[in-house]
C-alpha cells in the first residue's frame, strides 16, 4: 500500500498545537486524536479498532470527553484479517485525509449553541432529554462555578458545550463504571443538537 499524505487542516477559531500529541484547541479546550486497537483470538469475539477525539484519559484508563468515536470490528471467522486490514486502512485513510474537521466544526458549533434563554430553561431542556432533575441542576451549578478542570468553557450554563462538559464531569462521580460510561455517552449525545 502506498504511503498516505497527511495534510494539516486550518479552521478559523481552531489552533493546532505542536505538543507532540497532535492536539487541537477548540474554544480554549484541548482535544487529542486517538486510535485504539483490540484483538481476541476466540471465534466468538472480534478484532476491532476505534478512533475519535478525547480530552484526557484518567488513571483508570477511561477515556473522558470522547467525541464522534468511530468503531470498526470483524468477527474471527474466515478471512477476518483481510476484512480488518481493508476496513482499517480505509478508515485510517479517511481519518488522516479528512483530519478532524467534522469533529472540530461540531465542537465549535456547540460553543455557540444555546439550549435555552435561562437556567430554568436549561434544566427543562435536560429533563426533556431524559436527565434527572438533580443531575440537570447539578450540571447548571457546575457550569456556574467555572472550574476549568471540568472542561467548562465559560460560566454560561445555556451553552451546550458547557452542559456536556459539566454532565461528563458529574459522571466521574458515579461509583460504577458501566453507569459512568452510560452517563457520559448520554451527555456527549447532546452535541448532536449543535449540528
N, C-alpha and C. Protein backbone atom coordinates (compact mmCIF):
# COMPACT_ATOMS: atom_id res chain seq x y z
N UNK A 1 0.85 -1.18 0.00
CA UNK A 1 0.00 0.00 0.00
C UNK A 1 0.89 1.24 0.00
N UNK A 2 0.56 2.22 -0.84
CA UNK A 2 1.34 3.45 -0.93
C UNK A 2 1.17 4.29 0.32
N UNK A 3 2.21 5.03 0.73
CA UNK A 3 2.08 5.87 1.90
C UNK A 3 1.03 6.95 1.68
N UNK A 4 0.37 7.34 2.75
CA UNK A 4 -0.69 8.34 2.65
C UNK A 4 -0.13 9.72 2.95
N UNK A 5 -0.62 10.71 2.22
CA UNK A 5 -0.22 12.09 2.50
C UNK A 5 -1.07 12.61 3.65
N UNK A 6 -0.42 13.29 4.57
CA UNK A 6 -1.12 13.86 5.71
C UNK A 6 -1.15 15.36 5.54
N UNK A 7 -2.33 15.93 5.52
CA UNK A 7 -2.46 17.38 5.37
C UNK A 7 -2.93 18.03 6.65
N UNK A 8 -2.49 19.24 6.89
CA UNK A 8 -2.93 19.99 8.06
C UNK A 8 -4.15 20.81 7.67
N UNK A 9 -5.18 20.75 8.48
CA UNK A 9 -6.40 21.49 8.21
C UNK A 9 -6.44 22.71 9.10
N UNK A 10 -6.65 23.86 8.50
CA UNK A 10 -6.78 25.09 9.27
C UNK A 10 -8.23 25.51 9.28
N UNK A 11 -8.70 25.92 10.43
CA UNK A 11 -10.09 26.33 10.58
C UNK A 11 -10.14 27.56 11.46
N UNK A 12 -10.91 28.58 11.09
CA UNK A 12 -10.99 29.78 11.93
C UNK A 12 -11.42 29.43 13.35
N UNK A 13 -10.74 29.98 14.32
CA UNK A 13 -11.10 29.75 15.72
C UNK A 13 -10.51 28.49 16.30
N UNK A 14 -9.84 27.69 15.48
CA UNK A 14 -9.23 26.44 15.95
C UNK A 14 -7.74 26.50 15.69
N UNK A 15 -6.94 26.33 16.71
CA UNK A 15 -5.50 26.40 16.57
C UNK A 15 -4.88 25.03 16.86
N UNK A 16 -4.05 24.58 15.95
CA UNK A 16 -3.32 23.33 16.20
C UNK A 16 -2.19 23.63 17.17
N UNK A 17 -1.83 22.64 17.96
CA UNK A 17 -0.67 22.78 18.83
C UNK A 17 0.33 21.74 18.41
N UNK A 18 1.58 22.00 18.69
CA UNK A 18 2.63 21.06 18.33
C UNK A 18 3.25 20.47 19.59
N UNK A 19 2.40 20.04 20.51
CA UNK A 19 2.88 19.49 21.76
C UNK A 19 3.27 18.03 21.67
N UNK A 20 3.30 17.47 20.48
CA UNK A 20 3.72 16.09 20.33
C UNK A 20 2.57 15.10 20.27
N UNK A 21 1.36 15.51 20.62
CA UNK A 21 0.23 14.60 20.61
C UNK A 21 -0.77 14.94 19.50
N UNK A 22 -0.50 15.96 18.71
CA UNK A 22 -1.40 16.33 17.63
C UNK A 22 -2.70 16.93 18.11
N UNK A 23 -2.69 17.55 19.28
CA UNK A 23 -3.90 18.13 19.85
C UNK A 23 -4.33 19.40 19.14
N UNK A 24 -5.57 19.75 19.33
CA UNK A 24 -6.10 20.99 18.78
C UNK A 24 -6.89 21.69 19.88
N UNK A 25 -6.93 23.00 19.80
CA UNK A 25 -7.66 23.80 20.77
C UNK A 25 -8.94 24.28 20.12
N UNK A 26 -10.07 24.01 20.75
CA UNK A 26 -11.36 24.50 20.29
C UNK A 26 -11.95 25.28 21.44
N UNK A 27 -12.07 26.59 21.25
CA UNK A 27 -12.63 27.44 22.30
C UNK A 27 -11.84 27.36 23.60
N UNK A 28 -10.53 27.18 23.51
CA UNK A 28 -9.71 27.11 24.70
C UNK A 28 -9.64 25.73 25.33
N UNK A 29 -10.35 24.75 24.81
CA UNK A 29 -10.33 23.39 25.32
C UNK A 29 -9.46 22.53 24.40
N UNK A 30 -8.62 21.68 25.00
CA UNK A 30 -7.74 20.83 24.21
C UNK A 30 -8.40 19.48 23.91
N UNK A 31 -8.27 19.05 22.68
CA UNK A 31 -8.76 17.75 22.24
C UNK A 31 -7.62 17.06 21.49
N UNK A 32 -7.54 15.73 21.66
CA UNK A 32 -6.46 14.96 21.06
C UNK A 32 -7.05 13.80 20.27
N UNK A 33 -6.52 13.56 19.06
CA UNK A 33 -6.99 12.40 18.29
C UNK A 33 -6.50 11.11 18.93
N UNK A 34 -7.31 10.06 18.84
CA UNK A 34 -6.88 8.77 19.37
C UNK A 34 -7.32 7.64 18.45
N UNK A 35 -6.59 6.56 18.52
CA UNK A 35 -6.91 5.35 17.78
C UNK A 35 -6.53 4.18 18.69
N UNK A 36 -7.48 3.31 18.98
CA UNK A 36 -7.25 2.16 19.86
C UNK A 36 -7.59 0.90 19.09
N UNK A 37 -6.74 -0.10 19.19
CA UNK A 37 -6.97 -1.38 18.53
C UNK A 37 -7.08 -2.48 19.58
N UNK A 38 -7.89 -3.48 19.30
CA UNK A 38 -8.03 -4.62 20.19
C UNK A 38 -8.19 -5.89 19.37
N UNK A 39 -7.89 -7.02 20.01
CA UNK A 39 -7.97 -8.27 19.28
C UNK A 39 -8.29 -9.40 20.25
N UNK A 40 -9.00 -10.38 19.78
CA UNK A 40 -9.27 -11.58 20.54
C UNK A 40 -9.12 -12.75 19.58
N UNK A 41 -8.54 -13.82 20.05
CA UNK A 41 -8.32 -14.97 19.18
C UNK A 41 -9.49 -15.94 19.18
N UNK A 42 -10.50 -15.68 19.96
CA UNK A 42 -11.66 -16.57 20.01
C UNK A 42 -12.59 -16.25 18.85
N UNK A 43 -13.13 -17.28 18.23
CA UNK A 43 -14.02 -17.09 17.09
C UNK A 43 -15.27 -16.29 17.42
N UNK A 44 -15.73 -16.38 18.68
CA UNK A 44 -16.95 -15.65 19.05
C UNK A 44 -16.69 -14.17 19.31
N UNK A 45 -15.40 -13.79 19.40
CA UNK A 45 -15.06 -12.41 19.65
C UNK A 45 -14.59 -11.75 18.36
N UNK A 46 -13.97 -10.59 18.48
CA UNK A 46 -13.63 -9.87 17.27
C UNK A 46 -12.33 -9.11 17.41
N UNK A 47 -11.79 -8.74 16.26
CA UNK A 47 -10.70 -7.78 16.19
C UNK A 47 -11.35 -6.45 15.88
N UNK A 48 -10.86 -5.38 16.48
CA UNK A 48 -11.55 -4.10 16.32
C UNK A 48 -10.59 -2.93 16.48
N UNK A 49 -11.05 -1.78 16.06
CA UNK A 49 -10.36 -0.53 16.34
C UNK A 49 -11.40 0.57 16.42
N UNK A 50 -11.05 1.63 17.12
CA UNK A 50 -11.93 2.79 17.20
C UNK A 50 -11.07 4.03 17.34
N UNK A 51 -11.62 5.15 16.92
CA UNK A 51 -10.89 6.40 17.00
C UNK A 51 -11.82 7.58 17.10
N UNK A 52 -11.27 8.72 17.42
CA UNK A 52 -12.05 9.94 17.56
C UNK A 52 -11.19 11.01 18.22
N UNK A 53 -11.82 11.88 18.99
CA UNK A 53 -11.13 12.91 19.75
C UNK A 53 -11.42 12.70 21.22
N UNK A 54 -10.44 12.97 22.07
CA UNK A 54 -10.65 12.86 23.51
C UNK A 54 -10.03 14.06 24.21
N UNK A 55 -10.49 14.30 25.45
CA UNK A 55 -9.91 15.38 26.23
C UNK A 55 -8.82 14.85 27.15
N UNK A 56 -9.04 13.74 27.83
CA UNK A 56 -7.99 13.14 28.63
C UNK A 56 -8.34 11.72 29.00
N UNK A 57 -7.33 10.99 29.50
CA UNK A 57 -7.51 9.62 29.96
C UNK A 57 -7.16 9.61 31.44
N UNK A 58 -8.06 9.08 32.26
CA UNK A 58 -7.82 9.08 33.71
C UNK A 58 -6.93 7.91 34.11
N UNK A 59 -6.61 7.85 35.39
CA UNK A 59 -5.74 6.80 35.91
C UNK A 59 -6.32 5.41 35.77
N UNK A 60 -7.64 5.30 35.59
CA UNK A 60 -8.28 4.00 35.39
C UNK A 60 -8.34 3.63 33.91
N UNK A 61 -7.64 4.40 33.09
CA UNK A 61 -7.59 4.17 31.64
C UNK A 61 -8.95 4.36 30.98
N UNK A 62 -9.77 5.21 31.54
CA UNK A 62 -11.07 5.55 30.95
C UNK A 62 -10.89 6.82 30.14
N UNK A 63 -11.39 6.81 28.92
CA UNK A 63 -11.31 7.97 28.04
C UNK A 63 -12.46 8.91 28.40
N UNK A 64 -12.12 10.17 28.68
CA UNK A 64 -13.13 11.18 29.02
C UNK A 64 -13.20 12.22 27.93
N UNK A 65 -14.39 12.72 27.71
CA UNK A 65 -14.58 13.78 26.73
C UNK A 65 -14.42 13.29 25.30
N UNK A 66 -14.67 12.01 25.04
CA UNK A 66 -14.54 11.47 23.69
C UNK A 66 -15.67 12.00 22.81
N UNK A 67 -15.33 12.37 21.60
CA UNK A 67 -16.30 12.92 20.67
C UNK A 67 -16.25 12.14 19.35
N UNK A 68 -17.40 11.92 18.77
CA UNK A 68 -17.51 11.28 17.45
C UNK A 68 -16.63 10.06 17.30
N UNK A 69 -16.78 9.13 18.22
CA UNK A 69 -16.00 7.89 18.18
C UNK A 69 -16.54 7.00 17.07
N UNK A 70 -15.64 6.51 16.25
CA UNK A 70 -15.99 5.59 15.17
C UNK A 70 -15.36 4.25 15.50
N UNK A 71 -16.12 3.18 15.36
CA UNK A 71 -15.63 1.84 15.69
C UNK A 71 -15.83 0.92 14.50
N UNK A 72 -14.85 0.07 14.25
CA UNK A 72 -14.94 -0.95 13.21
C UNK A 72 -14.54 -2.27 13.83
N UNK A 73 -15.29 -3.32 13.59
CA UNK A 73 -14.91 -4.63 14.11
C UNK A 73 -15.29 -5.71 13.12
N UNK A 74 -14.64 -6.85 13.25
CA UNK A 74 -14.97 -8.00 12.41
C UNK A 74 -14.76 -9.26 13.25
N UNK A 75 -15.65 -10.23 13.08
CA UNK A 75 -15.54 -11.49 13.83
C UNK A 75 -14.40 -12.33 13.29
N UNK A 76 -13.86 -13.17 14.16
CA UNK A 76 -12.75 -14.05 13.79
C UNK A 76 -13.28 -15.31 13.09
N UNK A 77 -13.77 -15.13 11.89
CA UNK A 77 -14.20 -16.26 11.06
C UNK A 77 -13.73 -15.99 9.63
N UNK A 78 -13.40 -17.05 8.92
CA UNK A 78 -12.96 -16.89 7.53
C UNK A 78 -11.73 -16.02 7.42
N UNK A 79 -11.76 -15.10 6.48
CA UNK A 79 -10.64 -14.19 6.22
C UNK A 79 -10.79 -12.91 7.04
N UNK A 80 -10.93 -13.05 8.34
CA UNK A 80 -11.15 -11.90 9.21
C UNK A 80 -10.02 -10.89 9.11
N UNK A 81 -8.80 -11.39 9.03
CA UNK A 81 -7.66 -10.46 9.00
C UNK A 81 -7.71 -9.59 7.75
N UNK A 82 -8.19 -10.16 6.62
CA UNK A 82 -8.29 -9.36 5.38
C UNK A 82 -9.38 -8.29 5.52
N UNK A 83 -10.51 -8.66 6.13
CA UNK A 83 -11.58 -7.68 6.33
C UNK A 83 -11.12 -6.58 7.27
N UNK A 84 -10.42 -6.97 8.33
CA UNK A 84 -9.94 -5.97 9.28
C UNK A 84 -8.91 -5.06 8.63
N UNK A 85 -8.00 -5.65 7.88
CA UNK A 85 -6.98 -4.84 7.21
C UNK A 85 -7.62 -3.86 6.24
N UNK A 86 -8.56 -4.35 5.43
CA UNK A 86 -9.22 -3.47 4.47
C UNK A 86 -10.01 -2.38 5.18
N UNK A 87 -10.76 -2.75 6.20
CA UNK A 87 -11.54 -1.77 6.96
C UNK A 87 -10.66 -0.77 7.67
N UNK A 88 -9.56 -1.25 8.25
CA UNK A 88 -8.65 -0.38 8.98
C UNK A 88 -8.03 0.65 8.06
N UNK A 89 -7.46 0.20 6.94
CA UNK A 89 -6.78 1.15 6.06
C UNK A 89 -7.76 2.11 5.40
N UNK A 90 -8.97 1.63 5.10
CA UNK A 90 -9.98 2.53 4.53
C UNK A 90 -10.34 3.61 5.56
N UNK A 91 -10.58 3.19 6.80
CA UNK A 91 -10.92 4.14 7.86
C UNK A 91 -9.76 5.09 8.13
N UNK A 92 -8.54 4.54 8.24
CA UNK A 92 -7.38 5.35 8.55
C UNK A 92 -7.12 6.39 7.46
N UNK A 93 -7.28 5.98 6.20
CA UNK A 93 -7.07 6.92 5.10
C UNK A 93 -8.07 8.07 5.17
N UNK A 94 -9.32 7.75 5.42
CA UNK A 94 -10.34 8.81 5.54
C UNK A 94 -10.04 9.71 6.73
N UNK A 95 -9.65 9.10 7.85
CA UNK A 95 -9.38 9.85 9.07
C UNK A 95 -8.21 10.81 8.88
N UNK A 96 -7.14 10.32 8.23
CA UNK A 96 -5.95 11.15 8.04
C UNK A 96 -6.21 12.25 7.01
N UNK A 97 -6.86 11.91 5.90
CA UNK A 97 -7.05 12.91 4.85
C UNK A 97 -8.10 13.94 5.24
N UNK A 98 -9.11 13.52 6.00
CA UNK A 98 -10.14 14.47 6.43
C UNK A 98 -9.72 15.20 7.70
N UNK A 99 -8.72 14.66 8.41
CA UNK A 99 -8.35 15.26 9.67
C UNK A 99 -9.49 15.13 10.66
N UNK A 100 -9.62 16.08 11.50
CA UNK A 100 -10.71 16.07 12.49
C UNK A 100 -11.64 17.24 12.23
N UNK A 101 -11.78 17.64 10.98
CA UNK A 101 -12.56 18.81 10.64
C UNK A 101 -14.00 18.70 11.11
N UNK A 102 -14.65 17.56 10.87
CA UNK A 102 -16.05 17.41 11.28
C UNK A 102 -16.20 17.54 12.79
N UNK A 103 -15.29 16.91 13.53
CA UNK A 103 -15.36 16.97 14.97
C UNK A 103 -15.11 18.40 15.47
N UNK A 104 -14.15 19.06 14.85
CA UNK A 104 -13.84 20.43 15.24
C UNK A 104 -15.03 21.36 14.98
N UNK A 105 -15.65 21.18 13.82
CA UNK A 105 -16.82 22.00 13.49
C UNK A 105 -17.96 21.76 14.47
N UNK A 106 -18.16 20.49 14.85
CA UNK A 106 -19.21 20.16 15.80
C UNK A 106 -18.91 20.78 17.17
N UNK A 107 -17.66 20.69 17.61
CA UNK A 107 -17.29 21.28 18.90
C UNK A 107 -17.43 22.80 18.86
N UNK A 108 -17.00 23.41 17.76
CA UNK A 108 -17.13 24.87 17.64
C UNK A 108 -18.60 25.27 17.66
N UNK A 109 -19.44 24.51 16.96
CA UNK A 109 -20.88 24.81 16.94
C UNK A 109 -21.48 24.68 18.34
N UNK A 110 -21.00 23.70 19.11
CA UNK A 110 -21.54 23.52 20.47
C UNK A 110 -21.14 24.66 21.40
N UNK A 111 -20.06 25.36 21.08
CA UNK A 111 -19.65 26.53 21.86
C UNK A 111 -20.54 27.73 21.58
N UNK A 112 -21.21 27.70 20.45
CA UNK A 112 -22.04 28.82 20.04
C UNK A 112 -23.54 28.54 20.19
N UNK A 113 -23.89 27.30 20.50
CA UNK A 113 -25.30 26.90 20.58
C UNK A 113 -25.82 27.06 22.01
N UNK A 114 -26.91 27.81 22.15
CA UNK A 114 -27.56 28.00 23.44
C UNK A 114 -28.83 27.14 23.49
N UNK A 115 -28.94 26.30 24.50
CA UNK A 115 -30.07 25.38 24.59
C UNK A 115 -31.32 26.05 25.15
N UNK A 116 -31.15 27.16 25.84
CA UNK A 116 -32.28 27.87 26.44
C UNK A 116 -31.84 29.30 26.76
N UNK A 117 -32.81 30.11 27.16
CA UNK A 117 -32.52 31.51 27.47
C UNK A 117 -32.05 31.71 28.91
N UNK A 118 -32.41 30.77 29.79
CA UNK A 118 -32.04 30.94 31.20
C UNK A 118 -31.84 29.57 31.86
N UNK A 119 -31.46 29.60 33.14
CA UNK A 119 -31.15 28.36 33.86
C UNK A 119 -32.36 27.43 33.96
N UNK A 120 -33.52 27.98 34.20
CA UNK A 120 -34.73 27.15 34.28
C UNK A 120 -34.97 26.44 32.95
N UNK A 121 -34.75 27.16 31.86
CA UNK A 121 -34.91 26.57 30.54
C UNK A 121 -33.89 25.47 30.28
N UNK A 122 -32.68 25.65 30.81
CA UNK A 122 -31.64 24.63 30.66
C UNK A 122 -32.06 23.34 31.37
N UNK A 123 -32.54 23.49 32.60
CA UNK A 123 -32.99 22.31 33.36
C UNK A 123 -34.14 21.63 32.62
N UNK A 124 -35.05 22.42 32.09
CA UNK A 124 -36.18 21.86 31.32
C UNK A 124 -35.68 21.13 30.07
N UNK A 125 -34.70 21.72 29.38
CA UNK A 125 -34.12 21.09 28.19
C UNK A 125 -33.52 19.72 28.56
N UNK A 126 -32.72 19.70 29.61
CA UNK A 126 -32.08 18.45 30.02
C UNK A 126 -33.10 17.42 30.48
N UNK A 127 -34.10 17.86 31.20
CA UNK A 127 -35.15 16.93 31.66
C UNK A 127 -35.86 16.33 30.45
N UNK A 128 -36.06 17.13 29.42
CA UNK A 128 -36.70 16.65 28.19
C UNK A 128 -35.85 15.64 27.43
N UNK A 129 -34.56 15.63 27.74
CA UNK A 129 -33.64 14.68 27.08
C UNK A 129 -33.36 13.48 27.96
N UNK A 130 -34.12 13.33 29.05
CA UNK A 130 -34.02 12.13 29.89
C UNK A 130 -33.08 12.24 31.07
N UNK A 131 -32.58 13.42 31.38
CA UNK A 131 -31.72 13.59 32.53
C UNK A 131 -32.56 13.86 33.78
N UNK A 132 -32.12 13.33 34.89
CA UNK A 132 -32.83 13.54 36.16
C UNK A 132 -32.74 15.01 36.56
N UNK A 133 -33.72 15.45 37.32
CA UNK A 133 -33.73 16.85 37.76
C UNK A 133 -32.49 17.19 38.56
N UNK A 134 -32.09 16.29 39.46
CA UNK A 134 -30.91 16.53 40.29
C UNK A 134 -29.65 16.66 39.43
N UNK A 135 -29.48 15.78 38.46
CA UNK A 135 -28.31 15.83 37.58
C UNK A 135 -28.34 17.09 36.71
N UNK A 136 -29.52 17.49 36.27
CA UNK A 136 -29.66 18.69 35.45
C UNK A 136 -29.28 19.94 36.23
N UNK A 137 -29.79 20.02 37.45
CA UNK A 137 -29.48 21.18 38.30
C UNK A 137 -28.00 21.18 38.69
N UNK A 138 -27.43 20.00 38.94
CA UNK A 138 -26.01 19.91 39.29
C UNK A 138 -25.14 20.37 38.12
N UNK A 139 -25.54 20.04 36.89
CA UNK A 139 -24.78 20.47 35.71
C UNK A 139 -24.79 21.99 35.60
N UNK A 140 -25.94 22.60 35.84
CA UNK A 140 -26.03 24.07 35.80
C UNK A 140 -25.10 24.68 36.84
N UNK A 141 -25.12 24.13 38.04
CA UNK A 141 -24.26 24.65 39.12
C UNK A 141 -22.78 24.46 38.81
N UNK A 142 -22.42 23.32 38.21
CA UNK A 142 -21.03 23.07 37.83
C UNK A 142 -20.54 24.11 36.83
N UNK A 143 -21.38 24.43 35.87
CA UNK A 143 -21.01 25.44 34.88
C UNK A 143 -20.84 26.80 35.55
N UNK A 144 -21.74 27.14 36.44
CA UNK A 144 -21.68 28.45 37.10
C UNK A 144 -20.44 28.60 37.97
N UNK A 145 -19.95 27.50 38.54
CA UNK A 145 -18.72 27.55 39.35
C UNK A 145 -17.53 27.87 38.46
N UNK A 146 -17.53 27.33 37.23
CA UNK A 146 -16.49 27.64 36.26
C UNK A 146 -15.15 27.00 36.52
N UNK A 147 -15.13 25.83 37.13
CA UNK A 147 -13.87 25.13 37.41
C UNK A 147 -13.28 24.61 36.09
N UNK A 148 -12.11 25.09 35.67
CA UNK A 148 -11.53 24.65 34.39
C UNK A 148 -11.28 23.15 34.32
N UNK A 149 -11.09 22.48 35.44
CA UNK A 149 -10.83 21.03 35.41
C UNK A 149 -12.04 20.24 34.93
N UNK A 150 -13.20 20.86 34.93
CA UNK A 150 -14.40 20.17 34.43
C UNK A 150 -14.53 20.29 32.92
N UNK A 151 -13.68 21.10 32.28
CA UNK A 151 -13.76 21.28 30.83
C UNK A 151 -14.75 22.34 30.41
N UNK A 152 -15.30 23.09 31.37
CA UNK A 152 -16.28 24.13 31.06
C UNK A 152 -15.56 25.31 30.40
N UNK A 153 -16.13 25.79 29.31
CA UNK A 153 -15.53 26.86 28.52
C UNK A 153 -15.76 28.23 29.15
N UNK A 154 -16.95 28.47 29.65
CA UNK A 154 -17.31 29.73 30.29
C UNK A 154 -18.32 29.42 31.39
N UNK A 155 -18.75 30.41 32.12
CA UNK A 155 -19.70 30.18 33.21
C UNK A 155 -21.15 30.38 32.76
N UNK A 156 -21.39 30.19 31.48
CA UNK A 156 -22.74 30.32 30.93
C UNK A 156 -23.39 28.94 30.80
N UNK A 157 -24.36 28.62 31.66
CA UNK A 157 -24.97 27.28 31.62
C UNK A 157 -25.89 27.05 30.43
N UNK A 158 -26.16 28.08 29.64
CA UNK A 158 -27.02 27.88 28.47
C UNK A 158 -26.24 27.36 27.27
N UNK A 159 -24.92 27.40 27.33
CA UNK A 159 -24.07 26.96 26.21
C UNK A 159 -23.97 25.43 26.22
N UNK A 160 -24.27 24.81 25.11
CA UNK A 160 -24.31 23.35 25.00
C UNK A 160 -22.99 22.71 25.39
N UNK A 161 -21.87 23.23 24.91
CA UNK A 161 -20.56 22.67 25.23
C UNK A 161 -20.36 22.61 26.74
N UNK A 162 -20.72 23.68 27.44
CA UNK A 162 -20.58 23.74 28.89
C UNK A 162 -21.42 22.67 29.58
N UNK A 163 -22.64 22.48 29.10
CA UNK A 163 -23.51 21.47 29.71
C UNK A 163 -22.95 20.07 29.54
N UNK A 164 -22.47 19.76 28.34
CA UNK A 164 -21.90 18.43 28.09
C UNK A 164 -20.67 18.23 28.98
N UNK A 165 -19.83 19.25 29.09
CA UNK A 165 -18.65 19.16 29.95
C UNK A 165 -19.04 18.94 31.41
N UNK A 166 -20.05 19.68 31.86
CA UNK A 166 -20.49 19.56 33.26
C UNK A 166 -21.12 18.19 33.52
N UNK A 167 -21.92 17.70 32.59
CA UNK A 167 -22.53 16.38 32.76
C UNK A 167 -21.46 15.28 32.76
N UNK A 168 -20.45 15.45 31.91
CA UNK A 168 -19.35 14.49 31.87
C UNK A 168 -18.57 14.52 33.18
N UNK A 169 -18.33 15.73 33.69
CA UNK A 169 -17.63 15.85 34.98
C UNK A 169 -18.45 15.20 36.09
N UNK A 170 -19.77 15.36 36.04
CA UNK A 170 -20.64 14.72 37.02
C UNK A 170 -20.60 13.20 36.92
N UNK A 171 -20.42 12.69 35.71
CA UNK A 171 -20.36 11.24 35.51
C UNK A 171 -19.17 10.63 36.23
N UNK A 172 -18.10 11.39 36.38
CA UNK A 172 -16.91 10.88 37.05
C UNK A 172 -17.16 10.55 38.51
N UNK A 173 -18.22 11.09 39.06
CA UNK A 173 -18.55 10.84 40.47
C UNK A 173 -19.39 9.58 40.67
N UNK A 174 -19.85 8.98 39.58
CA UNK A 174 -20.67 7.77 39.67
C UNK A 174 -19.75 6.59 40.00
N UNK A 175 -20.06 5.84 41.06
CA UNK A 175 -19.14 4.80 41.51
C UNK A 175 -19.00 3.59 40.59
N UNK A 176 -20.03 3.25 39.82
CA UNK A 176 -19.98 2.05 38.99
C UNK A 176 -19.61 2.41 37.55
N UNK A 177 -18.61 1.71 37.01
CA UNK A 177 -18.07 2.05 35.70
C UNK A 177 -19.13 2.01 34.60
N UNK A 178 -19.95 0.97 34.55
CA UNK A 178 -20.96 0.88 33.49
C UNK A 178 -21.88 2.08 33.52
N UNK A 179 -22.31 2.49 34.70
CA UNK A 179 -23.20 3.65 34.83
C UNK A 179 -22.47 4.93 34.44
N UNK A 180 -21.18 5.02 34.78
CA UNK A 180 -20.38 6.21 34.42
C UNK A 180 -20.29 6.35 32.90
N UNK A 181 -19.94 5.25 32.25
CA UNK A 181 -19.78 5.26 30.80
C UNK A 181 -21.11 5.60 30.12
N UNK A 182 -22.20 5.02 30.60
CA UNK A 182 -23.51 5.30 30.03
C UNK A 182 -23.88 6.77 30.22
N UNK A 183 -23.60 7.33 31.39
CA UNK A 183 -23.91 8.74 31.65
C UNK A 183 -23.11 9.65 30.72
N UNK A 184 -21.84 9.30 30.51
CA UNK A 184 -21.02 10.12 29.62
C UNK A 184 -21.50 10.00 28.18
N UNK A 185 -21.85 8.79 27.77
CA UNK A 185 -22.36 8.58 26.40
C UNK A 185 -23.64 9.39 26.18
N UNK A 186 -24.49 9.39 27.16
CA UNK A 186 -25.75 10.13 27.07
C UNK A 186 -25.47 11.64 26.98
N UNK A 187 -24.52 12.12 27.78
CA UNK A 187 -24.18 13.54 27.76
C UNK A 187 -23.57 13.94 26.42
N UNK A 188 -22.63 13.15 25.92
CA UNK A 188 -21.99 13.50 24.65
C UNK A 188 -22.97 13.46 23.48
N UNK A 189 -24.05 12.67 23.62
CA UNK A 189 -25.07 12.61 22.58
C UNK A 189 -25.78 13.95 22.38
N UNK A 190 -25.74 14.81 23.39
CA UNK A 190 -26.37 16.13 23.28
C UNK A 190 -25.68 17.01 22.24
N UNK A 191 -24.42 16.73 21.95
CA UNK A 191 -23.68 17.56 21.00
C UNK A 191 -24.34 17.57 19.62
N UNK A 192 -25.12 16.54 19.33
CA UNK A 192 -25.79 16.46 18.02
C UNK A 192 -26.76 17.64 17.81
N UNK A 193 -27.21 18.25 18.90
CA UNK A 193 -28.15 19.38 18.76
C UNK A 193 -27.49 20.62 18.18
N UNK A 194 -26.16 20.67 18.19
CA UNK A 194 -25.45 21.83 17.66
C UNK A 194 -25.14 21.70 16.18
N UNK A 195 -25.45 20.56 15.58
CA UNK A 195 -25.09 20.36 14.16
C UNK A 195 -26.10 20.98 13.25
